[in-house]
């Protein structure tokens, strides 16, 4: 932002009813927003802009000249506009104008050729919870508030371990919602899972283990790294190519981070429900007739060998048992 534009900005702020410095207003140039977004589209523009504080965007030289074709307020990187401010410089009737977004085409200085008119867009800040609850950061603030000393007693006493069963149950409820075909129910259940994920991250943050930003950064880095055919210059012509790229990326991750826990000797997650785990393992390691395999494992093996899913078989038999007992 040019020095003279900053000077103009300091003069304009009384028209908004705040003090630029005392109220902690964020000031950013449009060129910064565009350049940061182009340089790192998956890093939220690399600009630490808070939705809780008012924001002024200076459109700098993107505003070429009144009557020009550039409409910076319609740029895809532009923030949601509350008010435009422009100052007309270079004539005896120099003045500051505050207009609404829908009135920008009727700005009194727009049709004066050859004049310089720095323009700023003002975006009001919001309070901690009412400013756009659809913004993912709102959930972070809500959970952090619940965990404060004067927050909710139940939320404050939760730990990684205490939320373990709830997370497992929530996955099953999500699957039920998917199977039901009820989109509204699915959205609700996914929201419940988001709450548990953010809660786990908040607990970790308070313990100095990691933050929700680490969670986002880790998964974004992993997914971008596993898709060089999308985010890089690799090419994919077949499923075999895709499988090879995926395997190579996972091997690279393992070399960089080392082997992490979670899977047992059979290659399946250790905490997976035993029946589902047995079905997967027995497809790769079937029971040999005549050995001393335990009876339960042998029974599951027979179901798998017949082509059925032991989970589905037991689930249906359990439902029939309860119906008969009613």
Protein backbone atom coordinates (compact mmCIF):
# COMPACT_ATOMS: atom_id res chain seq x y z
CA UNK A 1 0.00 0.00 0.00
CA UNK A 2 1.41 3.40 -0.98
CA UNK A 3 2.14 5.94 1.77
CA UNK A 4 -0.31 8.44 0.34
CA UNK A 5 -3.04 5.78 0.34
CA UNK A 6 -2.35 5.06 4.00
CA UNK A 7 -2.60 8.77 4.74
CA UNK A 8 -5.94 8.90 2.93
CA UNK A 9 -7.09 5.88 4.90
CA UNK A 10 -6.25 7.55 8.23
CA UNK A 11 -8.37 10.51 7.19
CA UNK A 12 -11.27 8.31 6.10
CA UNK A 13 -11.67 6.23 9.25
CA UNK A 14 -13.67 8.83 11.23
CA UNK A 15 -16.41 8.32 8.64
CA UNK A 16 -16.68 4.72 9.85
CA UNK A 17 -16.79 5.57 13.53
CA UNK A 18 -13.63 3.76 14.66
CA UNK A 19 -9.97 4.36 15.35
CA UNK A 20 -7.77 2.45 12.97
CA UNK A 21 -5.10 1.67 15.58
CA UNK A 22 -7.02 1.63 18.86
CA UNK A 23 -9.69 -0.72 17.48
CA UNK A 24 -7.18 -3.09 15.88
CA UNK A 25 -8.58 -2.80 12.38
CA UNK A 26 -6.90 -5.12 9.88
CA UNK A 27 -5.58 -3.40 6.76
CA UNK A 28 -4.58 -5.38 3.70
CA UNK A 29 -3.97 -4.61 0.06
CA UNK A 30 -5.83 -6.32 -2.74
CA UNK A 31 -2.57 -7.23 -4.42
CA UNK A 32 -1.50 -9.07 -1.26
CA UNK A 33 -4.73 -11.08 -1.21
CA UNK A 34 -4.47 -12.07 -4.87
CA UNK A 35 -0.74 -12.85 -4.76
CA UNK A 36 -1.02 -14.93 -1.59
CA UNK A 37 -3.98 -16.85 -2.96
CA UNK A 38 -2.17 -17.63 -6.20
CA UNK A 39 1.06 -18.61 -4.42
CA UNK A 40 -0.56 -20.99 -1.94
CA UNK A 41 -4.23 -21.69 -2.72
CA UNK A 42 -4.43 -24.37 -0.02
CA UNK A 43 -3.08 -22.15 2.78
CA UNK A 44 -6.04 -19.76 3.00
CA UNK A 45 -4.03 -17.09 1.27
CA UNK A 46 -1.32 -17.10 3.97
CA UNK A 47 -2.99 -14.01 5.43
CA UNK A 48 -3.78 -14.11 9.14
CA UNK A 49 -7.09 -12.31 8.81
CA UNK A 50 -9.47 -12.72 11.73
CA UNK A 51 -13.24 -12.73 11.12
CA UNK A 52 -13.67 -11.13 14.55
CA UNK A 53 -11.95 -7.85 13.67
CA UNK A 54 -12.98 -5.26 11.11
CA UNK A 55 -11.09 -5.37 7.83
CA UNK A 56 -10.17 -2.65 5.32
CA UNK A 57 -9.00 -3.73 1.88
CA UNK A 58 -7.18 -1.16 -0.25
CA UNK A 59 -7.71 -1.92 -3.91
CA UNK A 60 -4.54 -0.12 -4.92
CA UNK A 61 -3.76 0.02 -8.63
CA UNK A 62 -6.33 -2.64 -9.42
CA UNK A 63 -8.63 0.37 -9.64
CA UNK A 64 -7.16 1.66 -12.89
CA UNK A 65 -9.11 4.80 -13.63
CA UNK A 66 -12.74 5.81 -13.29
CA UNK A 67 -14.70 4.26 -16.08
CA UNK A 68 -12.16 1.45 -16.55
CA UNK A 69 -13.18 -2.16 -17.03
CA UNK A 70 -11.74 -3.44 -13.72
CA UNK A 71 -14.37 -4.22 -11.10
CA UNK A 72 -12.23 -5.22 -8.11
CA UNK A 73 -15.17 -5.77 -5.80
CA UNK A 74 -16.20 -8.67 -8.05
CA UNK A 75 -12.75 -10.29 -7.95
CA UNK A 76 -13.00 -13.91 -6.66
CA UNK A 77 -10.53 -13.12 -3.88
CA UNK A 78 -12.51 -10.12 -2.66
CA UNK A 79 -14.01 -10.36 0.85
CA UNK A 80 -17.71 -9.97 1.53
CA UNK A 81 -18.31 -6.26 1.09
CA UNK A 82 -20.11 -4.13 3.64
CA UNK A 83 -19.22 -0.63 2.44
CA UNK A 84 -17.02 1.01 -0.15
CA UNK A 85 -15.08 4.15 0.61
CA UNK A 86 -13.43 6.25 -2.03
CA UNK A 87 -11.66 9.57 -1.97
CA UNK A 88 -11.50 11.76 -5.03
CA UNK A 89 -8.14 13.45 -5.38
CA UNK A 90 -6.89 16.07 -7.81
CA UNK A 91 -9.59 18.67 -7.89
CA UNK A 92 -11.01 21.49 -5.85
CA UNK A 93 -13.99 19.43 -4.71
CA UNK A 94 -11.80 16.77 -3.11
CA UNK A 95 -14.02 14.68 -0.87
CA UNK A 96 -14.57 11.34 0.83
CA UNK A 97 -17.53 9.20 -0.18
CA UNK A 98 -19.04 6.26 1.68
CA UNK A 99 -21.36 4.15 -0.41
CA UNK A 100 -23.05 0.76 -0.25
CA UNK A 101 -21.87 -2.12 -2.40
CA UNK A 102 -24.84 -1.86 -4.75
CA UNK A 103 -24.10 1.82 -5.34
CA UNK A 104 -20.52 1.51 -6.49
CA UNK A 105 -21.42 2.04 -10.15
CA UNK A 106 -22.96 5.38 -9.19
CA UNK A 107 -19.95 6.66 -7.25
CA UNK A 108 -19.93 10.45 -7.85
CA UNK A 109 -16.26 10.36 -8.90
CA UNK A 110 -16.39 7.30 -11.11
CA UNK A 111 -17.11 9.13 -14.35
CA UNK A 112 -14.47 11.83 -13.95
CA UNK A 113 -11.68 10.79 -16.36
CA UNK A 114 -8.03 10.88 -15.43
CA UNK A 115 -8.56 11.22 -11.69
CA UNK A 116 -6.97 9.11 -8.99
CA UNK A 117 -9.43 7.78 -6.45
CA UNK A 118 -8.03 5.25 -3.94
CA UNK A 119 -10.82 2.97 -2.82
CA UNK A 120 -11.15 0.89 0.31
CA UNK A 121 -13.61 -1.83 1.14
CA UNK A 122 -14.75 -2.11 4.73
CA UNK A 123 -15.86 -5.44 6.18
CA UNK A 124 -17.34 -5.31 9.67
CA UNK A 125 -15.98 -7.65 12.31
CA UNK A 126 -18.32 -9.94 14.19
CA UNK A 127 -18.64 -11.13 17.74
CA UNK A 128 -17.18 -14.45 18.80
CA UNK A 129 -20.10 -16.69 17.96
CA UNK A 130 -22.63 -14.89 15.77
CA UNK A 131 -20.24 -14.04 12.94
CA UNK A 132 -20.82 -16.75 10.40
CA UNK A 133 -21.36 -19.99 12.29
CA UNK A 134 -20.87 -21.78 8.96
CA UNK A 135 -17.20 -20.76 9.14
CA UNK A 136 -15.25 -23.81 10.46
CA UNK A 137 -13.38 -21.50 12.83
CA UNK A 138 -16.61 -20.79 14.67
CA UNK A 139 -16.68 -24.41 15.88
CA UNK A 140 -13.09 -24.08 17.12
CA UNK A 141 -14.06 -21.05 19.19
CA UNK A 142 -17.20 -22.70 20.55
CA UNK A 143 -15.33 -25.80 21.72
CA UNK A 144 -12.53 -23.71 23.22
CA UNK A 145 -15.17 -21.72 25.10
CA UNK A 146 -16.83 -24.89 26.41
CA UNK A 147 -13.46 -26.05 27.77
CA UNK A 148 -12.68 -22.84 29.66
CA UNK A 149 -12.78 -22.84 33.49
CA UNK A 150 -16.23 -21.24 33.44
CA UNK A 151 -17.42 -23.41 30.56
CA UNK A 152 -19.46 -26.62 30.59
CA UNK A 153 -18.52 -29.07 33.39
CA UNK A 154 -19.12 -32.08 31.14
CA UNK A 155 -17.00 -30.78 28.28
CA UNK A 156 -14.22 -29.69 30.62
CA UNK A 157 -13.72 -33.16 32.09
CA UNK A 158 -13.48 -34.99 28.74
CA UNK A 159 -10.22 -36.65 27.70
CA UNK A 160 -8.97 -38.39 24.57
CA UNK A 161 -9.93 -41.72 26.13
CA UNK A 162 -13.35 -40.67 27.42
CA UNK A 163 -14.43 -39.62 23.90
CA UNK A 164 -13.18 -42.84 22.32
CA UNK A 165 -16.46 -44.78 22.43
CA UNK A 166 -18.47 -41.74 21.32
CA UNK A 167 -16.35 -41.46 18.20
CA UNK A 168 -16.87 -45.14 17.37
CA UNK A 169 -20.63 -44.85 17.95
CA UNK A 170 -20.76 -41.74 15.79
CA UNK A 171 -19.19 -43.55 12.84
CA UNK A 172 -21.92 -46.19 13.04
CA UNK A 173 -24.59 -43.48 13.14
CA UNK A 174 -23.06 -41.87 10.07
CA UNK A 175 -23.14 -45.21 8.26
CA UNK A 176 -26.81 -45.67 9.25
CA UNK A 177 -27.58 -42.20 7.87
CA UNK A 178 -25.82 -43.05 4.60
CA UNK A 179 -27.75 -46.32 4.31
CA UNK A 180 -31.05 -44.56 5.03
CA UNK A 181 -30.54 -42.11 2.17
CA UNK A 182 -31.59 -39.23 4.45
CA UNK A 183 -29.29 -36.33 3.48
CA UNK A 184 -30.42 -34.05 6.32
CA UNK A 185 -29.75 -36.81 8.85
CA UNK A 186 -26.33 -37.43 7.31
CA UNK A 187 -25.44 -33.72 7.60
CA UNK A 188 -26.43 -33.79 11.26
CA UNK A 189 -24.38 -36.89 12.03
CA UNK A 190 -21.34 -35.52 10.20
CA UNK A 191 -21.67 -32.41 12.35
CA UNK A 192 -21.59 -34.55 15.48
CA UNK A 193 -18.36 -36.14 14.25
CA UNK A 194 -16.85 -32.72 13.52
CA UNK A 195 -17.61 -31.72 17.10
CA UNK A 196 -15.77 -34.77 18.43
CA UNK A 197 -12.79 -34.17 16.15
CA UNK A 198 -12.51 -30.52 17.20
CA UNK A 199 -12.91 -31.55 20.85
CA UNK A 200 -10.05 -34.04 20.53
CA UNK A 201 -7.87 -31.36 18.91
CA UNK A 202 -8.75 -28.84 21.64
CA UNK A 203 -7.82 -31.32 24.37
CA UNK A 204 -4.51 -31.94 22.60
CA UNK A 205 -3.92 -28.20 22.21
CA UNK A 206 -4.43 -27.60 25.92
CA UNK A 207 -1.94 -30.39 26.68
CA UNK A 208 0.63 -28.95 24.26
CA UNK A 209 0.42 -32.02 22.00
CA UNK A 210 -0.87 -30.54 18.73
CA UNK A 211 -3.48 -28.10 17.47
CA UNK A 212 -6.40 -28.22 15.06
CA UNK A 213 -4.14 -26.39 12.59
CA UNK A 214 -1.70 -29.31 12.80
CA UNK A 215 -4.57 -31.66 11.95
CA UNK A 216 -5.55 -29.63 8.89
CA UNK A 217 -1.95 -29.12 7.80
CA UNK A 218 -1.14 -32.82 8.16
CA UNK A 219 -4.06 -34.13 6.15
CA UNK A 220 -3.71 -31.42 3.46
CA UNK A 221 -0.02 -32.20 3.04
CA UNK A 222 -0.73 -35.93 2.87
CA UNK A 223 -3.52 -35.67 0.29
CA UNK A 224 -1.67 -33.22 -1.95
CA UNK A 225 1.42 -35.45 -1.75
CA UNK A 226 -0.59 -38.53 -2.72
CA UNK A 227 -2.05 -36.82 -5.80
CA UNK A 228 0.94 -35.63 -7.86
CA UNK A 229 -1.20 -36.33 -10.94
CA UNK A 230 -3.54 -33.57 -9.77
CA UNK A 231 -1.25 -31.14 -7.93
CA UNK A 232 2.00 -31.97 -9.74
CA UNK A 233 3.25 -33.03 -13.14
CA UNK A 234 2.72 -36.80 -12.87
CA UNK A 235 0.45 -38.45 -15.44
CA UNK A 236 -2.00 -41.29 -15.01
CA UNK A 237 -3.12 -43.46 -17.92
CA UNK A 238 -4.44 -46.51 -16.08
CA UNK A 239 -5.54 -47.85 -12.71
CA UNK A 240 -2.13 -49.47 -12.42
CA UNK A 241 -0.46 -46.06 -12.77
CA UNK A 242 -2.75 -44.67 -10.09
CA UNK A 243 -2.02 -47.56 -7.75
CA UNK A 244 1.71 -47.15 -8.31
CA UNK A 245 1.60 -43.43 -7.54
CA UNK A 246 -0.39 -44.08 -4.38
CA UNK A 247 2.00 -46.81 -3.18
CA UNK A 248 5.06 -44.67 -3.92
CA UNK A 249 3.59 -41.71 -2.02
CA UNK A 250 2.75 -43.88 1.00
CA UNK A 251 6.25 -45.37 0.98
CA UNK A 252 7.73 -41.88 0.92
CA UNK A 253 5.54 -40.85 3.87
CA UNK A 254 6.65 -43.91 5.82
CA UNK A 255 10.32 -43.14 5.13
CA UNK A 256 9.86 -39.56 6.34
CA UNK A 257 7.68 -40.18 9.40
CA UNK A 258 8.48 -43.77 10.35
CA UNK A 259 6.03 -46.54 11.16
CA UNK A 260 3.16 -45.38 13.33
CA UNK A 261 0.93 -47.53 15.52
CA UNK A 262 -2.67 -48.48 14.87
CA UNK A 263 -2.39 -51.80 13.02
CA UNK A 264 -1.69 -55.24 14.41
CA UNK A 265 0.33 -58.13 12.96
CA UNK A 266 -2.49 -59.00 10.57
CA UNK A 267 -2.36 -55.52 9.02
CA UNK A 268 -5.76 -54.41 10.30
CA UNK A 269 -6.51 -51.67 12.85
CA UNK A 270 -6.09 -53.13 16.33
CA UNK A 271 -9.33 -51.62 17.68
CA UNK A 272 -11.51 -52.79 14.80
CA UNK A 273 -14.53 -54.84 15.96
CA UNK A 274 -13.38 -58.44 16.18
CA UNK A 275 -16.00 -59.92 13.84
CA UNK A 276 -15.26 -57.50 11.01
CA UNK A 277 -11.55 -57.93 11.59
CA UNK A 278 -11.87 -61.73 11.53
CA UNK A 279 -13.78 -61.58 8.23
CA UNK A 280 -11.01 -59.52 6.62
CA UNK A 281 -8.15 -61.60 7.99
CA UNK A 282 -9.74 -64.97 7.22
CA UNK A 283 -10.15 -64.01 3.56
CA UNK A 284 -6.35 -63.71 3.42
CA UNK A 285 -5.53 -66.46 5.94
CA UNK A 286 -8.30 -69.10 5.71
CA UNK A 287 -8.64 -71.80 8.34
CA UNK A 288 -7.11 -75.14 7.34
CA UNK A 289 -9.31 -78.19 7.91
CA UNK A 290 -8.18 -80.46 10.72
CA UNK A 291 -6.11 -77.96 12.64
CA UNK A 292 -6.83 -76.86 16.22
CA UNK A 293 -8.56 -73.59 15.31
CA UNK A 294 -11.01 -72.42 18.03
CA UNK A 295 -14.65 -73.21 17.29
CA UNK A 296 -15.78 -69.55 17.03
CA UNK A 297 -13.06 -68.72 14.53
CA UNK A 298 -13.87 -71.85 12.54
CA UNK A 299 -17.57 -70.84 12.39
CA UNK A 300 -16.69 -67.36 11.13
CA UNK A 301 -14.36 -68.90 8.58
CA UNK A 302 -17.16 -71.06 7.22
CA UNK A 303 -19.41 -68.03 6.77
CA UNK A 304 -16.63 -66.19 4.96
CA UNK A 305 -15.92 -69.21 2.77
CA UNK A 306 -19.60 -69.35 1.77
CA UNK A 307 -19.35 -65.79 0.46
CA UNK A 308 -21.42 -64.18 3.20
CA UNK A 309 -20.49 -61.30 5.46
CA UNK A 310 -20.41 -62.53 9.08
CA UNK A 311 -21.24 -59.02 10.32
CA UNK A 312 -24.39 -58.91 8.16
CA UNK A 313 -25.36 -62.48 9.11
CA UNK A 314 -25.02 -61.83 12.84
CA UNK A 315 -26.76 -58.45 12.57
CA UNK A 316 -29.76 -59.98 10.83
CA UNK A 317 -29.95 -62.92 13.25
CA UNK A 318 -29.75 -60.53 16.18
CA UNK A 319 -32.62 -58.46 14.81
CA UNK A 320 -34.74 -61.57 14.26
CA UNK A 321 -33.97 -62.73 17.80
CA UNK A 322 -35.14 -59.43 19.29
CA UNK A 323 -38.30 -59.39 17.14
CA UNK A 324 -39.21 -62.89 18.32
CA UNK A 325 -38.67 -61.80 21.91
CA UNK A 326 -40.97 -58.78 21.69
